[in-house]
Amino acid sequence: MPSTLLKLSEKEYYIIITDEQGDIHVAPDPAAPIVAHAYLGDVFHVRGVQKQWYDIQLLSKAHWYLHRSHA
């Protein structure tokens, strides 16, 4: 399967969710509280990567974490 990390400019990276659903956490830890859910086809701006976690930015400008296995 091709990568779902998209580069639209020199500084902009986005991911597309490839699972039916993924949990969005407050910290890069599966035990961290879940603040939202991502669904198949959702697109998120990536601020960075911490080990196996994407640091994503939501439309509200808040940033949370999504495990890389979901995108």
C-alpha atoms as a PDB file:
ATOM      1  CA  MET A   1       0.000   0.000   0.000  1.00  0.00           C
ATOM      2  CA  PRO A   2       1.415   3.455  -0.844  1.00  0.00           C
ATOM      3  CA  SER A   3       2.248   5.870   1.950  1.00  0.00           C
ATOM      4  CA  THR A   4      -0.562   8.132   3.114  1.00  0.00           C
ATOM      5  CA  LEU A   5       1.824  10.898   4.177  1.00  0.00           C
ATOM      6  CA  LEU A   6       1.351  13.655   1.605  1.00  0.00           C
ATOM      7  CA  LYS A   7       3.702  16.587   1.050  1.00  0.00           C
ATOM      8  CA  LEU A   8       1.886  19.553  -0.478  1.00  0.00           C
ATOM      9  CA  SER A   9       4.713  22.068  -0.081  1.00  0.00           C
ATOM     10  CA  GLU A  10       8.173  22.257   1.456  1.00  0.00           C
ATOM     11  CA  LYS A  11       6.687  22.659   4.958  1.00  0.00           C
ATOM     12  CA  GLU A  12       3.226  21.088   4.774  1.00  0.00           C
ATOM     13  CA  TYR A  13       2.534  17.406   5.452  1.00  0.00           C
ATOM     14  CA  TYR A  14      -0.859  15.700   5.669  1.00  0.00           C
ATOM     15  CA  ILE A  15      -2.065  12.167   6.389  1.00  0.00           C
ATOM     16  CA  ILE A  16      -5.171  10.316   5.240  1.00  0.00           C
ATOM     17  CA  ILE A  17      -6.835   7.865   7.617  1.00  0.00           C
ATOM     18  CA  THR A  18      -6.833   4.358   6.150  1.00  0.00           C
ATOM     19  CA  ASP A  19      -8.586   2.524   9.016  1.00  0.00           C
ATOM     20  CA  GLU A  20     -12.318   2.547   9.693  1.00  0.00           C
ATOM     21  CA  GLN A  21     -11.624   4.445  12.934  1.00  0.00           C
ATOM     22  CA  GLY A  22      -8.637   5.637  14.953  1.00  0.00           C
ATOM     23  CA  ASP A  23      -8.431   7.182  18.394  1.00  0.00           C
ATOM     24  CA  ILE A  24      -6.916  10.641  18.829  1.00  0.00           C
ATOM     25  CA  HIS A  25      -5.072  10.997  22.139  1.00  0.00           C
ATOM     26  CA  VAL A  26      -3.828  13.933  24.244  1.00  0.00           C
ATOM     27  CA  ALA A  27      -0.324  12.420  24.371  1.00  0.00           C
ATOM     28  CA  PRO A  28       1.651   9.909  22.284  1.00  0.00           C
ATOM     29  CA  ASP A  29       0.656   6.997  24.502  1.00  0.00           C
ATOM     30  CA  PRO A  30      -2.159   4.448  24.030  1.00  0.00           C
ATOM     31  CA  ALA A  31      -3.042   4.899  27.726  1.00  0.00           C
ATOM     32  CA  ALA A  32      -3.485   8.687  27.305  1.00  0.00           C
ATOM     33  CA  PRO A  33      -7.069  10.009  27.303  1.00  0.00           C
ATOM     34  CA  ILE A  34      -8.912   9.926  23.966  1.00  0.00           C
ATOM     35  CA  VAL A  35     -10.186  13.337  22.856  1.00  0.00           C
ATOM     36  CA  ALA A  36     -11.612  12.508  19.419  1.00  0.00           C
ATOM     37  CA  HIS A  37     -11.874   9.854  16.723  1.00  0.00           C
ATOM     38  CA  ALA A  38     -10.607   9.826  13.157  1.00  0.00           C
ATOM     39  CA  TYR A  39     -12.530   8.008  10.426  1.00  0.00           C
ATOM     40  CA  LEU A  40     -11.664   6.479   7.065  1.00  0.00           C
ATOM     41  CA  GLY A  41     -10.746   9.206   4.588  1.00  0.00           C
ATOM     42  CA  ASP A  42     -10.222  11.990   7.161  1.00  0.00           C
ATOM     43  CA  VAL A  43      -7.245  14.245   6.409  1.00  0.00           C
ATOM     44  CA  PHE A  44      -5.057  15.847   9.091  1.00  0.00           C
ATOM     45  CA  HIS A  45      -2.188  18.318   9.053  1.00  0.00           C
ATOM     46  CA  VAL A  46       0.954  16.726  10.523  1.00  0.00           C
ATOM     47  CA  ARG A  47       3.038  18.918  12.816  1.00  0.00           C
ATOM     48  CA  GLY A  48       5.602  16.224  13.548  1.00  0.00           C
ATOM     49  CA  VAL A  49       6.258  12.585  14.332  1.00  0.00           C
ATOM     50  CA  GLN A  50       7.136  11.126  17.725  1.00  0.00           C
ATOM     51  CA  LYS A  51       8.229   7.494  17.397  1.00  0.00           C
ATOM     52  CA  GLN A  52       5.054   5.702  16.201  1.00  0.00           C
ATOM     53  CA  TRP A  53       2.747   8.718  16.645  1.00  0.00           C
ATOM     54  CA  TYR A  54       1.733  11.583  14.382  1.00  0.00           C
ATOM     55  CA  ASP A  55       1.426  14.975  16.077  1.00  0.00           C
ATOM     56  CA  ILE A  56      -1.646  16.238  14.205  1.00  0.00           C
ATOM     57  CA  GLN A  57      -3.436  19.577  14.118  1.00  0.00           C
ATOM     58  CA  LEU A  58      -7.213  19.703  14.104  1.00  0.00           C
ATOM     59  CA  LEU A  59      -9.307  22.468  12.549  1.00  0.00           C
ATOM     60  CA  SER A  60      -9.649  23.989  16.014  1.00  0.00           C
ATOM     61  CA  LYS A  61      -5.842  24.491  15.927  1.00  0.00           C
ATOM     62  CA  ALA A  62      -5.498  22.052  18.841  1.00  0.00           C
ATOM     63  CA  HIS A  63      -2.848  19.418  18.378  1.00  0.00           C
ATOM     64  CA  TRP A  64      -3.160  15.829  19.505  1.00  0.00           C
ATOM     65  CA  TYR A  65      -1.702  12.433  18.658  1.00  0.00           C
ATOM     66  CA  LEU A  66      -2.736   9.625  16.335  1.00  0.00           C
ATOM     67  CA  HIS A  67      -0.906   6.300  16.094  1.00  0.00           C
ATOM     68  CA  ARG A  68       0.816   5.835  12.745  1.00  0.00           C
ATOM     69  CA  SER A  69      -0.918   2.492  12.167  1.00  0.00           C
ATOM     70  CA  HIS A  70      -4.179   4.355  11.362  1.00  0.00           C
ATOM     71  CA  ALA A  71      -2.814   6.330   8.405  1.00  0.00           C
END
